[in-house]
mmCIF file of all heavy atoms, coordinates in Angstrom:
data_MODEL
# 
_entry.id   MODEL 
# 
loop_
_atom_site.group_PDB 
_atom_site.id 
_atom_site.type_symbol 
_atom_site.label_atom_id 
_atom_site.label_alt_id 
_atom_site.label_comp_id 
_atom_site.label_asym_id 
_atom_site.label_entity_id 
_atom_site.label_seq_id 
_atom_site.pdbx_PDB_ins_code 
_atom_site.Cartn_x 
_atom_site.Cartn_y 
_atom_site.Cartn_z 
_atom_site.occupancy 
_atom_site.B_iso_or_equiv 
_atom_site.pdbx_formal_charge 
_atom_site.auth_seq_id 
_atom_site.auth_comp_id 
_atom_site.auth_asym_id 
_atom_site.auth_atom_id 
_atom_site.pdbx_PDB_model_num 
ATOM 1   N N   . ARG A 1 1  ? 0.798  -1.201 0.006   1.00 0.00 ? 1  ARG A N   1 
ATOM 2   C CA  . ARG A 1 1  ? -0.011 0.005  0.028   1.00 0.00 ? 1  ARG A CA  1 
ATOM 3   C C   . ARG A 1 1  ? 0.848  1.275  0.000   1.00 0.00 ? 1  ARG A C   1 
ATOM 4   O O   . ARG A 1 1  ? 0.307  2.375  0.125   1.00 0.00 ? 1  ARG A O   1 
ATOM 5   C CB  . ARG A 1 1  ? -0.955 -0.026 1.220   1.00 0.00 ? 1  ARG A CB  1 
ATOM 6   C CG  . ARG A 1 1  ? -2.011 -1.115 1.140   1.00 0.00 ? 1  ARG A CG  1 
ATOM 7   C CD  . ARG A 1 1  ? -2.566 -1.488 2.480   1.00 0.00 ? 1  ARG A CD  1 
ATOM 8   N NE  . ARG A 1 1  ? -3.735 -2.415 2.336   1.00 0.00 ? 1  ARG A NE  1 
ATOM 9   C CZ  . ARG A 1 1  ? -3.645 -3.717 2.140   1.00 0.00 ? 1  ARG A CZ  1 
ATOM 10  N NH1 . ARG A 1 1  ? -2.436 -4.291 2.024   1.00 0.00 ? 1  ARG A NH1 1 
ATOM 11  N NH2 . ARG A 1 1  ? -4.766 -4.408 2.012   1.00 0.00 ? 1  ARG A NH2 1 
ATOM 12  N N   . SER A 1 2  ? 2.152  1.184  -0.148  1.00 0.00 ? 2  SER A N   1 
ATOM 13  C CA  . SER A 1 2  ? 3.062  2.314  -0.106  1.00 0.00 ? 2  SER A CA  1 
ATOM 14  C C   . SER A 1 2  ? 3.527  2.693  -1.476  1.00 0.00 ? 2  SER A C   1 
ATOM 15  O O   . SER A 1 2  ? 4.315  1.903  -2.099  1.00 0.00 ? 2  SER A O   1 
ATOM 16  C CB  . SER A 1 2  ? 4.242  2.023  0.816   1.00 0.00 ? 2  SER A CB  1 
ATOM 17  O OG  . SER A 1 2  ? 3.835  1.776  2.115   1.00 0.00 ? 2  SER A OG  1 
ATOM 18  N N   . PRO A 1 3  ? 3.081  3.764  -2.087  1.00 0.00 ? 3  PRO A N   1 
ATOM 19  C CA  . PRO A 1 3  ? 3.552  4.120  -3.441  1.00 0.00 ? 3  PRO A CA  1 
ATOM 20  C C   . PRO A 1 3  ? 5.066  4.150  -3.564  1.00 0.00 ? 3  PRO A C   1 
ATOM 21  O O   . PRO A 1 3  ? 5.571  3.874  -4.673  1.00 0.00 ? 3  PRO A O   1 
ATOM 22  C CB  . PRO A 1 3  ? 2.930  5.557  -3.628  1.00 0.00 ? 3  PRO A CB  1 
ATOM 23  C CG  . PRO A 1 3  ? 1.716  5.579  -2.796  1.00 0.00 ? 3  PRO A CG  1 
ATOM 24  C CD  . PRO A 1 3  ? 2.103  4.759  -1.614  1.00 0.00 ? 3  PRO A CD  1 
ATOM 25  N N   . VAL A 1 4  ? 5.777  4.566  -2.527  1.00 0.00 ? 4  VAL A N   1 
ATOM 26  C CA  . VAL A 1 4  ? 7.210  4.720  -2.595  1.00 0.00 ? 4  VAL A CA  1 
ATOM 27  C C   . VAL A 1 4  ? 7.906  3.408  -2.937  1.00 0.00 ? 4  VAL A C   1 
ATOM 28  O O   . VAL A 1 4  ? 9.007  3.402  -3.498  1.00 0.00 ? 4  VAL A O   1 
ATOM 29  C CB  . VAL A 1 4  ? 7.778  5.315  -1.270  1.00 0.00 ? 4  VAL A CB  1 
ATOM 30  C CG1 . VAL A 1 4  ? 7.752  4.269  -0.151  1.00 0.00 ? 4  VAL A CG1 1 
ATOM 31  C CG2 . VAL A 1 4  ? 9.211  5.895  -1.458  1.00 0.00 ? 4  VAL A CG2 1 
ATOM 32  N N   . THR A 1 5  ? 7.266  2.254  -2.614  1.00 0.00 ? 5  THR A N   1 
ATOM 33  C CA  . THR A 1 5  ? 7.872  1.004  -2.863  1.00 0.00 ? 5  THR A CA  1 
ATOM 34  C C   . THR A 1 5  ? 8.144  0.705  -4.345  1.00 0.00 ? 5  THR A C   1 
ATOM 35  O O   . THR A 1 5  ? 9.122  0.042  -4.705  1.00 0.00 ? 5  THR A O   1 
ATOM 36  C CB  . THR A 1 5  ? 6.995  -0.143 -2.268  1.00 0.00 ? 5  THR A CB  1 
ATOM 37  O OG1 . THR A 1 5  ? 6.679  0.132  -0.952  1.00 0.00 ? 5  THR A OG1 1 
ATOM 38  C CG2 . THR A 1 5  ? 7.609  -1.504 -2.422  1.00 0.00 ? 5  THR A CG2 1 
ATOM 39  N N   . ARG A 1 6  ? 7.270  1.236  -5.191  1.00 0.00 ? 6  ARG A N   1 
ATOM 40  C CA  . ARG A 1 6  ? 7.366  0.909  -6.631  1.00 0.00 ? 6  ARG A CA  1 
ATOM 41  C C   . ARG A 1 6  ? 7.521  2.178  -7.503  1.00 0.00 ? 6  ARG A C   1 
ATOM 42  O O   . ARG A 1 6  ? 7.264  2.151  -8.707  1.00 0.00 ? 6  ARG A O   1 
ATOM 43  C CB  . ARG A 1 6  ? 6.136  0.106  -7.098  1.00 0.00 ? 6  ARG A CB  1 
ATOM 44  C CG  . ARG A 1 6  ? 6.059  -1.212 -6.414  1.00 0.00 ? 6  ARG A CG  1 
ATOM 45  C CD  . ARG A 1 6  ? 4.756  -1.946 -6.828  1.00 0.00 ? 6  ARG A CD  1 
ATOM 46  N NE  . ARG A 1 6  ? 3.567  -1.247 -6.400  1.00 0.00 ? 6  ARG A NE  1 
ATOM 47  C CZ  . ARG A 1 6  ? 3.032  -1.265 -5.162  1.00 0.00 ? 6  ARG A CZ  1 
ATOM 48  N NH1 . ARG A 1 6  ? 3.597  -2.056 -4.279  1.00 0.00 ? 6  ARG A NH1 1 
ATOM 49  N NH2 . ARG A 1 6  ? 1.984  -0.559 -4.844  1.00 0.00 ? 6  ARG A NH2 1 
ATOM 50  N N   . LEU A 1 7  ? 7.944  3.297  -6.904  1.00 0.00 ? 7  LEU A N   1 
ATOM 51  C CA  . LEU A 1 7  ? 8.035  4.542  -7.654  1.00 0.00 ? 7  LEU A CA  1 
ATOM 52  C C   . LEU A 1 7  ? 9.062  4.439  -8.807  1.00 0.00 ? 7  LEU A C   1 
ATOM 53  O O   . LEU A 1 7  ? 8.932  5.135  -9.790  1.00 0.00 ? 7  LEU A O   1 
ATOM 54  C CB  . LEU A 1 7  ? 8.470  5.675  -6.757  1.00 0.00 ? 7  LEU A CB  1 
ATOM 55  C CG  . LEU A 1 7  ? 7.321  6.320  -5.920  1.00 0.00 ? 7  LEU A CG  1 
ATOM 56  C CD1 . LEU A 1 7  ? 7.870  7.431  -5.031  1.00 0.00 ? 7  LEU A CD1 1 
ATOM 57  C CD2 . LEU A 1 7  ? 6.217  6.918  -6.806  1.00 0.00 ? 7  LEU A CD2 1 
ATOM 58  N N   . ALA A 1 8  ? 10.059 3.600  -8.667  1.00 0.00 ? 8  ALA A N   1 
ATOM 59  C CA  . ALA A 1 8  ? 11.057 3.430  -9.696  1.00 0.00 ? 8  ALA A CA  1 
ATOM 60  C C   . ALA A 1 8  ? 10.470 2.934  -10.972 1.00 0.00 ? 8  ALA A C   1 
ATOM 61  O O   . ALA A 1 8  ? 11.091 3.073  -12.078 1.00 0.00 ? 8  ALA A O   1 
ATOM 62  C CB  . ALA A 1 8  ? 12.178 2.596  -9.232  1.00 0.00 ? 8  ALA A CB  1 
ATOM 63  N N   . SER A 1 9  ? 9.263  2.299  -10.908 1.00 0.00 ? 9  SER A N   1 
ATOM 64  C CA  . SER A 1 9  ? 8.628  1.802  -12.135 1.00 0.00 ? 9  SER A CA  1 
ATOM 65  C C   . SER A 1 9  ? 7.975  2.875  -13.001 1.00 0.00 ? 9  SER A C   1 
ATOM 66  O O   . SER A 1 9  ? 7.596  2.626  -14.173 1.00 0.00 ? 9  SER A O   1 
ATOM 67  C CB  . SER A 1 9  ? 7.569  0.740  -11.765 1.00 0.00 ? 9  SER A CB  1 
ATOM 68  O OG  . SER A 1 9  ? 6.463  1.379  -11.104 1.00 0.00 ? 9  SER A OG  1 
ATOM 69  N N   . LEU A 1 10 ? 7.867  4.091  -12.445 1.00 0.00 ? 10 LEU A N   1 
ATOM 70  C CA  . LEU A 1 10 ? 7.220  5.136  -13.210 1.00 0.00 ? 10 LEU A CA  1 
ATOM 71  C C   . LEU A 1 10 ? 8.163  5.790  -14.180 1.00 0.00 ? 10 LEU A C   1 
ATOM 72  O O   . LEU A 1 10 ? 9.246  6.255  -13.774 1.00 0.00 ? 10 LEU A O   1 
ATOM 73  C CB  . LEU A 1 10 ? 6.620  6.225  -12.237 1.00 0.00 ? 10 LEU A CB  1 
ATOM 74  C CG  . LEU A 1 10 ? 5.582  5.764  -11.255 1.00 0.00 ? 10 LEU A CG  1 
ATOM 75  C CD1 . LEU A 1 10 ? 5.005  6.925  -10.473 1.00 0.00 ? 10 LEU A CD1 1 
ATOM 76  C CD2 . LEU A 1 10 ? 4.460  4.993  -11.973 1.00 0.00 ? 10 LEU A CD2 1 
ATOM 77  N N   . ARG A 1 11 ? 7.729  5.809  -15.418 1.00 0.00 ? 11 ARG A N   1 
ATOM 78  C CA  . ARG A 1 11 ? 8.494  6.439  -16.478 1.00 0.00 ? 11 ARG A CA  1 
ATOM 79  C C   . ARG A 1 11 ? 7.674  7.494  -17.171 1.00 0.00 ? 11 ARG A C   1 
ATOM 80  O O   . ARG A 1 11 ? 7.723  7.651  -18.381 1.00 0.00 ? 11 ARG A O   1 
ATOM 81  C CB  . ARG A 1 11 ? 9.034  5.451  -17.433 1.00 0.00 ? 11 ARG A CB  1 
ATOM 82  C CG  . ARG A 1 11 ? 9.926  4.377  -16.775 1.00 0.00 ? 11 ARG A CG  1 
ATOM 83  C CD  . ARG A 1 11 ? 10.450 3.285  -17.695 1.00 0.00 ? 11 ARG A CD  1 
ATOM 84  N NE  . ARG A 1 11 ? 11.246 2.337  -17.024 1.00 0.00 ? 11 ARG A NE  1 
ATOM 85  C CZ  . ARG A 1 11 ? 12.553 2.429  -16.778 1.00 0.00 ? 11 ARG A CZ  1 
ATOM 86  N NH1 . ARG A 1 11 ? 13.173 3.523  -17.170 1.00 0.00 ? 11 ARG A NH1 1 
ATOM 87  N NH2 . ARG A 1 11 ? 13.192 1.510  -16.084 1.00 0.00 ? 11 ARG A NH2 1 
ATOM 88  N N   . ILE A 1 12 ? 6.867  8.183  -16.387 1.00 0.00 ? 12 ILE A N   1 
ATOM 89  C CA  . ILE A 1 12 ? 5.917  9.214  -16.875 1.00 0.00 ? 12 ILE A CA  1 
ATOM 90  C C   . ILE A 1 12 ? 6.146  10.457 -16.051 1.00 0.00 ? 12 ILE A C   1 
ATOM 91  O O   . ILE A 1 12 ? 6.655  10.445 -14.938 1.00 0.00 ? 12 ILE A O   1 
ATOM 92  C CB  . ILE A 1 12 ? 4.473  8.716  -16.791 1.00 0.00 ? 12 ILE A CB  1 
ATOM 93  C CG1 . ILE A 1 12 ? 4.161  8.380  -15.334 1.00 0.00 ? 12 ILE A CG1 1 
ATOM 94  C CG2 . ILE A 1 12 ? 4.224  7.537  -17.741 1.00 0.00 ? 12 ILE A CG2 1 
ATOM 95  C CD1 . ILE A 1 12 ? 2.648  8.097  -15.121 1.00 0.00 ? 12 ILE A CD1 1 
ATOM 96  N N   . PRO A 1 13 ? 5.608  11.602 -16.533 1.00 0.00 ? 13 PRO A N   1 
ATOM 97  C CA  . PRO A 1 13 ? 5.703  12.856 -15.810 1.00 0.00 ? 13 PRO A CA  1 
ATOM 98  C C   . PRO A 1 13 ? 4.779  12.816 -14.559 1.00 0.00 ? 13 PRO A C   1 
ATOM 99  O O   . PRO A 1 13 ? 3.605  12.392 -14.654 1.00 0.00 ? 13 PRO A O   1 
ATOM 100 C CB  . PRO A 1 13 ? 5.230  13.932 -16.762 1.00 0.00 ? 13 PRO A CB  1 
ATOM 101 C CG  . PRO A 1 13 ? 5.374  13.299 -18.130 1.00 0.00 ? 13 PRO A CG  1 
ATOM 102 C CD  . PRO A 1 13 ? 5.127  11.819 -17.930 1.00 0.00 ? 13 PRO A CD  1 
ATOM 103 N N   . VAL A 1 14 ? 5.236  13.260 -13.437 1.00 0.00 ? 14 VAL A N   1 
ATOM 104 C CA  . VAL A 1 14 ? 4.464  13.298 -12.182 1.00 0.00 ? 14 VAL A CA  1 
ATOM 105 C C   . VAL A 1 14 ? 4.701  14.671 -11.491 1.00 0.00 ? 14 VAL A C   1 
ATOM 106 O O   . VAL A 1 14 ? 5.815  15.125 -11.342 1.00 0.00 ? 14 VAL A O   1 
ATOM 107 C CB  . VAL A 1 14 ? 4.925  12.182 -11.180 1.00 0.00 ? 14 VAL A CB  1 
ATOM 108 C CG1 . VAL A 1 14 ? 4.146  12.236 -9.925  1.00 0.00 ? 14 VAL A CG1 1 
ATOM 109 C CG2 . VAL A 1 14 ? 4.808  10.808 -11.862 1.00 0.00 ? 14 VAL A CG2 1 
ATOM 110 N N   . MET A 1 15 ? 3.591  15.239 -11.108 1.00 0.00 ? 15 MET A N   1 
ATOM 111 C CA  . MET A 1 15 ? 3.622  16.527 -10.359 1.00 0.00 ? 15 MET A CA  1 
ATOM 112 C C   . MET A 1 15 ? 2.883  16.278 -9.086  1.00 0.00 ? 15 MET A C   1 
ATOM 113 O O   . MET A 1 15 ? 1.818  15.658 -9.070  1.00 0.00 ? 15 MET A O   1 
ATOM 114 C CB  . MET A 1 15 ? 2.933  17.657 -11.175 1.00 0.00 ? 15 MET A CB  1 
ATOM 115 C CG  . MET A 1 15 ? 2.847  19.001 -10.452 1.00 0.00 ? 15 MET A CG  1 
ATOM 116 S SD  . MET A 1 15 ? 1.928  20.245 -11.429 1.00 0.00 ? 15 MET A SD  1 
ATOM 117 C CE  . MET A 1 15 ? 3.153  20.681 -12.663 1.00 0.00 ? 15 MET A CE  1 
ATOM 118 N N   . TRP A 1 16 ? 3.402  16.829 -7.969  1.00 0.00 ? 16 TRP A N   1 
ATOM 119 C CA  . TRP A 1 16 ? 2.711  16.673 -6.754  1.00 0.00 ? 16 TRP A CA  1 
ATOM 120 C C   . TRP A 1 16 ? 2.943  17.910 -5.828  1.00 0.00 ? 16 TRP A C   1 
ATOM 121 O O   . TRP A 1 16 ? 3.961  18.612 -5.993  1.00 0.00 ? 16 TRP A O   1 
ATOM 122 C CB  . TRP A 1 16 ? 3.045  15.385 -5.977  1.00 0.00 ? 16 TRP A CB  1 
ATOM 123 C CG  . TRP A 1 16 ? 4.429  15.333 -5.413  1.00 0.00 ? 16 TRP A CG  1 
ATOM 124 C CD1 . TRP A 1 16 ? 4.810  15.435 -4.109  1.00 0.00 ? 16 TRP A CD1 1 
ATOM 125 C CD2 . TRP A 1 16 ? 5.642  14.965 -6.078  1.00 0.00 ? 16 TRP A CD2 1 
ATOM 126 N NE1 . TRP A 1 16 ? 6.156  15.299 -3.949  1.00 0.00 ? 16 TRP A NE1 1 
ATOM 127 C CE2 . TRP A 1 16 ? 6.691  14.986 -5.122  1.00 0.00 ? 16 TRP A CE2 1 
ATOM 128 C CE3 . TRP A 1 16 ? 5.918  14.725 -7.472  1.00 0.00 ? 16 TRP A CE3 1 
ATOM 129 C CZ2 . TRP A 1 16 ? 7.982  14.698 -5.515  1.00 0.00 ? 16 TRP A CZ2 1 
ATOM 130 C CZ3 . TRP A 1 16 ? 7.252  14.451 -7.789  1.00 0.00 ? 16 TRP A CZ3 1 
ATOM 131 C CH2 . TRP A 1 16 ? 8.268  14.457 -6.856  1.00 0.00 ? 16 TRP A CH2 1 
ATOM 132 N N   . GLN A 1 17 ? 2.019  18.136 -4.914  1.00 0.00 ? 17 GLN A N   1 
ATOM 133 C CA  . GLN A 1 17 ? 2.180  19.238 -3.970  1.00 0.00 ? 17 GLN A CA  1 
ATOM 134 C C   . GLN A 1 17 ? 1.943  18.739 -2.567  1.00 0.00 ? 17 GLN A C   1 
ATOM 135 O O   . GLN A 1 17 ? 1.024  17.957 -2.259  1.00 0.00 ? 17 GLN A O   1 
ATOM 136 C CB  . GLN A 1 17 ? 1.159  20.379 -4.248  1.00 0.00 ? 17 GLN A CB  1 
ATOM 137 C CG  . GLN A 1 17 ? 1.333  21.543 -3.265  1.00 0.00 ? 17 GLN A CG  1 
ATOM 138 C CD  . GLN A 1 17 ? 0.067  21.803 -2.411  1.00 0.00 ? 17 GLN A CD  1 
ATOM 139 O OE1 . GLN A 1 17 ? -1.023 21.893 -2.972  1.00 0.00 ? 17 GLN A OE1 1 
ATOM 140 N NE2 . GLN A 1 17 ? 0.262  21.821 -1.103  1.00 0.00 ? 17 GLN A NE2 1 
ATOM 141 N N   . GLY A 1 18 ? 2.905  19.053 -1.701  1.00 0.00 ? 18 GLY A N   1 
ATOM 142 C CA  . GLY A 1 18 ? 2.770  18.678 -0.288  1.00 0.00 ? 18 GLY A CA  1 
ATOM 143 C C   . GLY A 1 18 ? 2.774  19.875 0.611   1.00 0.00 ? 18 GLY A C   1 
ATOM 144 O O   . GLY A 1 18 ? 2.867  21.044 0.135   1.00 0.00 ? 18 GLY A O   1 
ATOM 145 N N   . GLY A 1 19 ? 2.649  19.673 1.912   1.00 0.00 ? 19 GLY A N   1 
ATOM 146 C CA  . GLY A 1 19 ? 2.620  20.730 2.863   1.00 0.00 ? 19 GLY A CA  1 
ATOM 147 C C   . GLY A 1 19 ? 3.632  20.474 3.977   1.00 0.00 ? 19 GLY A C   1 
ATOM 148 O O   . GLY A 1 19 ? 3.801  19.364 4.463   1.00 0.00 ? 19 GLY A O   1 
ATOM 149 N N   . TRP A 1 20 ? 4.242  21.528 4.423   1.00 0.00 ? 20 TRP A N   1 
ATOM 150 C CA  . TRP A 1 20 ? 5.260  21.434 5.489   1.00 0.00 ? 20 TRP A CA  1 
ATOM 151 C C   . TRP A 1 20 ? 4.661  20.890 6.811   1.00 0.00 ? 20 TRP A C   1 
ATOM 152 O O   . TRP A 1 20 ? 5.319  20.273 7.591   1.00 0.00 ? 20 TRP A O   1 
ATOM 153 C CB  . TRP A 1 20 ? 5.907  22.781 5.757   1.00 0.00 ? 20 TRP A CB  1 
ATOM 154 C CG  . TRP A 1 20 ? 6.867  23.276 4.704   1.00 0.00 ? 20 TRP A CG  1 
ATOM 155 C CD1 . TRP A 1 20 ? 6.768  24.442 4.021   1.00 0.00 ? 20 TRP A CD1 1 
ATOM 156 C CD2 . TRP A 1 20 ? 8.012  22.615 4.203   1.00 0.00 ? 20 TRP A CD2 1 
ATOM 157 N NE1 . TRP A 1 20 ? 7.779  24.560 3.130   1.00 0.00 ? 20 TRP A NE1 1 
ATOM 158 C CE2 . TRP A 1 20 ? 8.575  23.434 3.204   1.00 0.00 ? 20 TRP A CE2 1 
ATOM 159 C CE3 . TRP A 1 20 ? 8.637  21.359 4.511   1.00 0.00 ? 20 TRP A CE3 1 
ATOM 160 C CZ2 . TRP A 1 20 ? 9.709  23.132 2.490   1.00 0.00 ? 20 TRP A CZ2 1 
ATOM 161 C CZ3 . TRP A 1 20 ? 9.781  21.047 3.765   1.00 0.00 ? 20 TRP A CZ3 1 
ATOM 162 C CH2 . TRP A 1 20 ? 10.326 21.905 2.812   1.00 0.00 ? 20 TRP A CH2 1 
ATOM 163 N N   . TRP A 1 21 ? 3.346  21.123 6.990   1.00 0.00 ? 21 TRP A N   1 
ATOM 164 C CA  . TRP A 1 21 ? 2.678  20.654 8.160   1.00 0.00 ? 21 TRP A CA  1 
ATOM 165 C C   . TRP A 1 21 ? 1.651  19.541 7.863   1.00 0.00 ? 21 TRP A C   1 
ATOM 166 O O   . TRP A 1 21 ? 0.833  19.158 8.693   1.00 0.00 ? 21 TRP A O   1 
ATOM 167 C CB  . TRP A 1 21 ? 1.934  21.807 8.875   1.00 0.00 ? 21 TRP A CB  1 
ATOM 168 C CG  . TRP A 1 21 ? 2.818  22.975 9.083   1.00 0.00 ? 21 TRP A CG  1 
ATOM 169 C CD1 . TRP A 1 21 ? 4.068  23.031 9.476   1.00 0.00 ? 21 TRP A CD1 1 
ATOM 170 C CD2 . TRP A 1 21 ? 2.466  24.360 8.797   1.00 0.00 ? 21 TRP A CD2 1 
ATOM 171 N NE1 . TRP A 1 21 ? 4.573  24.293 9.564   1.00 0.00 ? 21 TRP A NE1 1 
ATOM 172 C CE2 . TRP A 1 21 ? 3.658  25.142 9.134   1.00 0.00 ? 21 TRP A CE2 1 
ATOM 173 C CE3 . TRP A 1 21 ? 1.320  24.974 8.356   1.00 0.00 ? 21 TRP A CE3 1 
ATOM 174 C CZ2 . TRP A 1 21 ? 3.591  26.532 8.983   1.00 0.00 ? 21 TRP A CZ2 1 
ATOM 175 C CZ3 . TRP A 1 21 ? 1.328  26.418 8.238   1.00 0.00 ? 21 TRP A CZ3 1 
ATOM 176 C CH2 . TRP A 1 21 ? 2.462  27.155 8.555   1.00 0.00 ? 21 TRP A CH2 1 
ATOM 177 N N   . ASP A 1 22 ? 1.703  19.023 6.670   1.00 0.00 ? 22 ASP A N   1 
ATOM 178 C CA  . ASP A 1 22 ? 0.793  17.960 6.259   1.00 0.00 ? 22 ASP A CA  1 
ATOM 179 C C   . ASP A 1 22 ? 1.109  16.724 7.045   1.00 0.00 ? 22 ASP A C   1 
ATOM 180 O O   . ASP A 1 22 ? 2.208  16.447 7.457   1.00 0.00 ? 22 ASP A O   1 
ATOM 181 C CB  . ASP A 1 22 ? 0.978  17.690 4.768   1.00 0.00 ? 22 ASP A CB  1 
ATOM 182 C CG  . ASP A 1 22 ? 0.001  16.656 4.213   1.00 0.00 ? 22 ASP A CG  1 
ATOM 183 O OD1 . ASP A 1 22 ? -1.006 16.331 4.891   1.00 0.00 ? 22 ASP A OD1 1 
ATOM 184 O OD2 . ASP A 1 22 ? 0.199  16.216 3.065   1.00 0.00 ? 22 ASP A OD2 1 
ATOM 185 N N   . ILE A 1 23 ? 0.062  15.894 7.259   1.00 0.00 ? 23 ILE A N   1 
ATOM 186 C CA  . ILE A 1 23 ? 0.317  14.643 7.947   1.00 0.00 ? 23 ILE A CA  1 
ATOM 187 C C   . ILE A 1 23 ? 1.263  13.727 7.202   1.00 0.00 ? 23 ILE A C   1 
ATOM 188 O O   . ILE A 1 23 ? 1.969  12.904 7.781   1.00 0.00 ? 23 ILE A O   1 
ATOM 189 C CB  . ILE A 1 23 ? -1.061 13.910 8.203   1.00 0.00 ? 23 ILE A CB  1 
ATOM 190 C CG1 . ILE A 1 23 ? -0.871 12.718 9.119   1.00 0.00 ? 23 ILE A CG1 1 
ATOM 191 C CG2 . ILE A 1 23 ? -1.733 13.547 6.869   1.00 0.00 ? 23 ILE A CG2 1 
ATOM 192 C CD1 . ILE A 1 23 ? -2.195 12.074 9.529   1.00 0.00 ? 23 ILE A CD1 1 
ATOM 193 N N   . PHE A 1 24 ? 1.384  13.925 5.904   1.00 0.00 ? 24 PHE A N   1 
ATOM 194 C CA  . PHE A 1 24 ? 2.268  13.093 5.067   1.00 0.00 ? 24 PHE A CA  1 
ATOM 195 C C   . PHE A 1 24 ? 3.612  13.818 4.747   1.00 0.00 ? 24 PHE A C   1 
ATOM 196 O O   . PHE A 1 24 ? 4.333  13.390 3.860   1.00 0.00 ? 24 PHE A O   1 
ATOM 197 C CB  . PHE A 1 24 ? 1.576  12.725 3.764   1.00 0.00 ? 24 PHE A CB  1 
ATOM 198 C CG  . PHE A 1 24 ? 0.288  11.989 3.905   1.00 0.00 ? 24 PHE A CG  1 
ATOM 199 C CD1 . PHE A 1 24 ? -0.756 12.232 2.987   1.00 0.00 ? 24 PHE A CD1 1 
ATOM 200 C CD2 . PHE A 1 24 ? 0.095  11.078 4.911   1.00 0.00 ? 24 PHE A CD2 1 
ATOM 201 C CE1 . PHE A 1 24 ? -1.979 11.544 3.118   1.00 0.00 ? 24 PHE A CE1 1 
ATOM 202 C CE2 . PHE A 1 24 ? -1.127 10.400 5.032   1.00 0.00 ? 24 PHE A CE2 1 
ATOM 203 C CZ  . PHE A 1 24 ? -2.130 10.629 4.149   1.00 0.00 ? 24 PHE A CZ  1 
ATOM 204 N N   . GLN A 1 25 ? 3.928  14.823 5.518   1.00 0.00 ? 25 GLN A N   1 
ATOM 205 C CA  . GLN A 1 25 ? 5.081  15.682 5.228   1.00 0.00 ? 25 GLN A CA  1 
ATOM 206 C C   . GLN A 1 25 ? 6.391  14.824 5.119   1.00 0.00 ? 25 GLN A C   1 
ATOM 207 O O   . GLN A 1 25 ? 7.229  15.118 4.288   1.00 0.00 ? 25 GLN A O   1 
ATOM 208 C CB  . GLN A 1 25 ? 5.243  16.769 6.291   1.00 0.00 ? 25 GLN A CB  1 
ATOM 209 C CG  . GLN A 1 25 ? 6.462  17.692 6.092   1.00 0.00 ? 25 GLN A CG  1 
ATOM 210 C CD  . GLN A 1 25 ? 7.716  17.135 6.671   1.00 0.00 ? 25 GLN A CD  1 
ATOM 211 O OE1 . GLN A 1 25 ? 7.686  16.360 7.650   1.00 0.00 ? 25 GLN A OE1 1 
ATOM 212 N NE2 . GLN A 1 25 ? 8.866  17.506 6.134   1.00 0.00 ? 25 GLN A NE2 1 
# 
């Protein structure tokens, strides 16, 4: 259930926004 485990398989453009105080920071 962790995207980070298989991120190396992505060969496409990815954009994301996070927050310094986000629960997922």
